[in-house]
Protein backbone atom coordinates (compact mmCIF):
# COMPACT_ATOMS: atom_id res chain seq x y z
CA MET A 1 -153.79 -120.50 36.42
CA GLY A 2 -153.16 -116.99 37.75
CA ASN A 3 -153.73 -115.65 41.25
CA SER A 4 -157.06 -114.11 40.16
CA PHE A 5 -158.57 -117.62 40.23
CA LEU A 6 -157.27 -118.40 43.74
CA THR A 7 -159.30 -117.89 46.88
CA THR A 8 -157.50 -116.17 49.74
CA PHE A 9 -158.30 -116.52 53.44
CA PHE A 10 -156.79 -113.94 55.75
CA ALA A 11 -156.45 -115.48 59.25
CA ILE A 12 -156.03 -112.54 61.60
CA GLU A 13 -155.37 -112.55 65.33
CA LYS A 14 -155.95 -109.21 67.10
CA LEU A 15 -155.47 -109.55 70.83
CA ASN A 16 -158.83 -109.39 72.75
CA VAL A 17 -160.70 -108.35 69.59
CA GLU A 18 -160.76 -110.98 66.87
CA VAL A 19 -159.27 -114.36 65.95
CA ASN A 20 -159.79 -115.97 62.54
CA ARG A 21 -158.20 -119.35 61.93
CA LEU A 22 -158.14 -122.23 59.51
CA CYS A 23 -159.78 -125.35 61.02
CA PHE A 24 -158.95 -127.60 58.09
CA GLY A 25 -158.09 -127.45 54.43
CA CYS A 26 -155.27 -127.95 51.93
CA PRO A 27 -153.95 -124.52 50.96
CA ILE A 28 -151.53 -124.40 48.04
CA ALA A 29 -149.62 -121.59 49.76
CA GLN A 30 -149.48 -119.85 53.11
CA ARG A 31 -147.58 -116.88 54.51
CA ARG A 32 -147.39 -115.81 58.20
CA LYS A 33 -146.67 -112.27 59.34
CA ARG A 34 -146.44 -110.58 62.78
CA ASN A 35 -147.23 -106.89 63.30
CA GLY A 36 -146.69 -106.12 66.99
CA PRO A 37 -149.18 -108.18 69.04
CA ASP A 38 -151.24 -108.94 65.90
CA VAL A 39 -150.54 -112.01 63.76
CA SER A 40 -151.85 -112.73 60.30
CA CYS A 41 -151.57 -115.75 58.05
CA VAL A 42 -152.63 -115.72 54.41
CA TYR A 43 -153.83 -118.99 52.88
CA ARG A 44 -154.52 -119.53 49.15
CA PHE A 45 -156.78 -122.22 47.75
CA HIS A 46 -157.54 -123.62 44.27
CA PRO A 47 -161.09 -123.40 42.98
CA GLY A 48 -163.20 -126.28 44.37
CA SER A 49 -161.12 -126.59 47.54
CA VAL A 50 -163.23 -127.13 50.66
CA PHE A 51 -161.95 -125.68 53.90
CA GLY A 52 -163.19 -124.80 57.37
CA ILE A 53 -162.70 -121.52 59.23
CA ALA A 54 -163.41 -120.38 62.75
CA ARG A 55 -164.04 -116.77 63.70
CA HIS A 56 -164.11 -115.44 67.26
CA LEU A 57 -165.15 -111.85 67.98
CA TRP A 58 -165.03 -110.03 71.33
CA ARG A 59 -167.20 -106.92 71.46
CA PRO A 60 -166.29 -103.83 73.53
CA ASP A 61 -169.37 -104.41 75.69
CA GLY A 62 -168.05 -107.88 76.64
CA ARG A 63 -170.31 -109.92 74.32
CA GLN A 64 -168.73 -112.68 72.26
CA HIS A 65 -169.63 -114.18 68.89
CA HIS A 66 -168.16 -117.35 67.40
CA ILE A 67 -168.72 -118.61 63.85
CA LEU A 68 -167.66 -121.86 62.17
CA ALA A 69 -168.03 -122.06 58.41
CA ILE A 70 -167.28 -124.79 55.91
CA VAL A 71 -166.73 -123.09 52.54
CA GLU A 72 -165.71 -124.01 49.00
CA ALA A 73 -163.50 -121.83 46.84
CA SER A 74 -165.53 -120.77 43.83
CA ALA A 75 -164.47 -121.51 40.27
CA SER A 76 -166.20 -118.39 38.96
CA VAL A 77 -165.49 -114.81 39.95
CA GLY A 78 -168.69 -113.23 41.28
CA GLU A 79 -170.30 -116.56 42.23
CA GLY A 80 -170.97 -117.24 45.90
CA ILE A 81 -171.35 -115.34 49.14
CA LEU A 82 -169.17 -112.70 50.78
CA VAL A 83 -167.50 -114.05 53.94
CA PRO A 84 -165.32 -111.75 56.06
CA ASN A 85 -161.58 -112.28 55.52
CA ILE A 86 -162.09 -114.40 52.40
CA SER A 87 -161.70 -113.16 48.84
CA PRO A 88 -163.33 -113.58 46.36
CA LEU A 89 -166.80 -114.91 47.09
CA VAL A 90 -167.18 -118.56 48.27
CA ARG A 91 -169.90 -121.18 48.51
CA ILE A 92 -170.99 -121.83 52.08
CA HIS A 93 -171.79 -125.47 52.87
CA ALA A 94 -172.24 -125.15 56.63
CA LEU A 95 -172.47 -122.21 58.98
CA VAL A 96 -172.80 -122.43 62.76
CA ALA A 97 -172.88 -119.43 65.09
CA GLN A 98 -172.81 -119.04 68.88
CA SER A 99 -173.18 -115.89 70.92
CA GLU A 100 -172.35 -117.20 74.38
CA PRO A 101 -168.72 -117.69 75.40
CA ALA A 102 -166.80 -120.52 73.78
CA GLY A 103 -166.57 -123.71 75.85
CA GLN A 104 -170.16 -123.60 77.05
CA GLY A 105 -171.44 -126.45 74.87
CA GLY A 106 -173.18 -124.32 72.21
CA SER A 107 -173.48 -125.07 68.49
CA PHE A 108 -170.03 -123.69 67.65
CA ASP A 109 -168.38 -125.76 70.42
CA ARG A 110 -170.20 -128.96 69.40
CA PHE A 111 -169.47 -128.61 65.67
CA LEU A 112 -165.81 -127.71 66.23
CA GLY A 113 -165.42 -130.67 68.64
CA PHE A 114 -166.96 -132.99 66.06
CA ILE A 115 -164.63 -131.73 63.31
CA GLN A 116 -161.60 -132.12 65.57
CA SER A 117 -162.66 -135.67 66.47
CA MET A 118 -162.93 -136.62 62.84
CA ASP A 119 -159.56 -135.03 62.08
CA ARG A 120 -157.90 -136.94 64.95
CA SER A 121 -159.45 -140.14 63.61
CA GLY A 122 -157.65 -139.67 60.29
CA ILE A 123 -160.63 -138.63 58.16
CA ALA A 124 -159.57 -136.39 55.27
CA LEU A 125 -161.88 -133.47 56.00
CA PRO A 126 -161.30 -131.52 52.74
CA GLU A 127 -162.35 -134.59 50.75
CA ILE A 128 -165.76 -134.97 52.42
CA ASN A 129 -168.71 -134.31 50.09
CA PRO A 130 -170.01 -130.76 50.75
CA ASP A 131 -173.56 -132.12 51.03
CA TYR A 132 -172.46 -133.95 54.19
CA TRP A 133 -171.43 -130.67 55.86
CA ARG A 134 -174.88 -129.18 55.17
CA GLN A 135 -176.60 -132.23 56.65
CA ALA A 136 -174.32 -132.21 59.72
CA ALA A 137 -175.04 -128.49 60.35
CA TYR A 138 -178.80 -129.08 60.05
CA GLY A 139 -178.57 -132.07 62.38
CA LEU A 140 -176.67 -129.94 64.88
CA MET A 141 -179.37 -127.24 64.80
CA LEU A 142 -182.05 -129.94 65.30
CA HIS A 143 -180.08 -131.38 68.25
CA GLN A 144 -179.58 -134.70 66.48
CA ARG A 145 -176.67 -137.04 66.98
CA LEU A 146 -173.93 -136.22 64.44
CA LEU A 147 -172.82 -139.24 62.40
CA LEU A 148 -169.69 -139.74 60.35
CA PRO A 149 -169.83 -139.21 56.59
CA PRO A 150 -170.68 -142.32 54.53
CA GLY A 151 -167.67 -144.57 54.01
CA SER A 152 -165.56 -143.06 56.79
CA ALA A 153 -166.48 -145.57 59.54
CA SER A 154 -164.10 -148.14 58.08
CA ARG A 155 -161.20 -145.68 58.25
CA ALA A 156 -161.91 -144.17 61.66
CA GLY A 157 -163.83 -146.76 63.61
CA ILE A 158 -167.55 -146.29 64.20
CA PHE A 159 -168.51 -143.36 66.38
CA SER A 160 -170.96 -140.54 66.59
CA PHE A 161 -170.88 -137.28 68.43
CA PRO A 162 -173.58 -136.21 70.87
């Protein structure tokens, strides 16, 4: 399988402008590079790989925007949706955005906290059925209690996230 079938995520950190980072996933390769104050990391994924990314943007006028996306590397070139810093197109299974500053308890903060709690509990996040991520994002938007994916309670203990 050549590189043309791999999905690439460019995690870029530009001081006071933009931070893109991998929240979870199993890349087959990664490369880190520093260019002055900016840092970039390139992650490559096989088709069908599910991974989570976080994107933080700081606008010149002081506004902030935060995005958390759970995506799947596409098996077909030209199939999916364009997501900044990811090539080629990917399937989006969950997307949560927040315009207020991070740490204020918005949708982005809650979803990221939930994902980090599951990860600390030993749940293999890339192996979760993509349908679960959609349901969790919808539940978050509807202000419902987020529950663990089916079958994970035995591995992580039973908990939910407000």
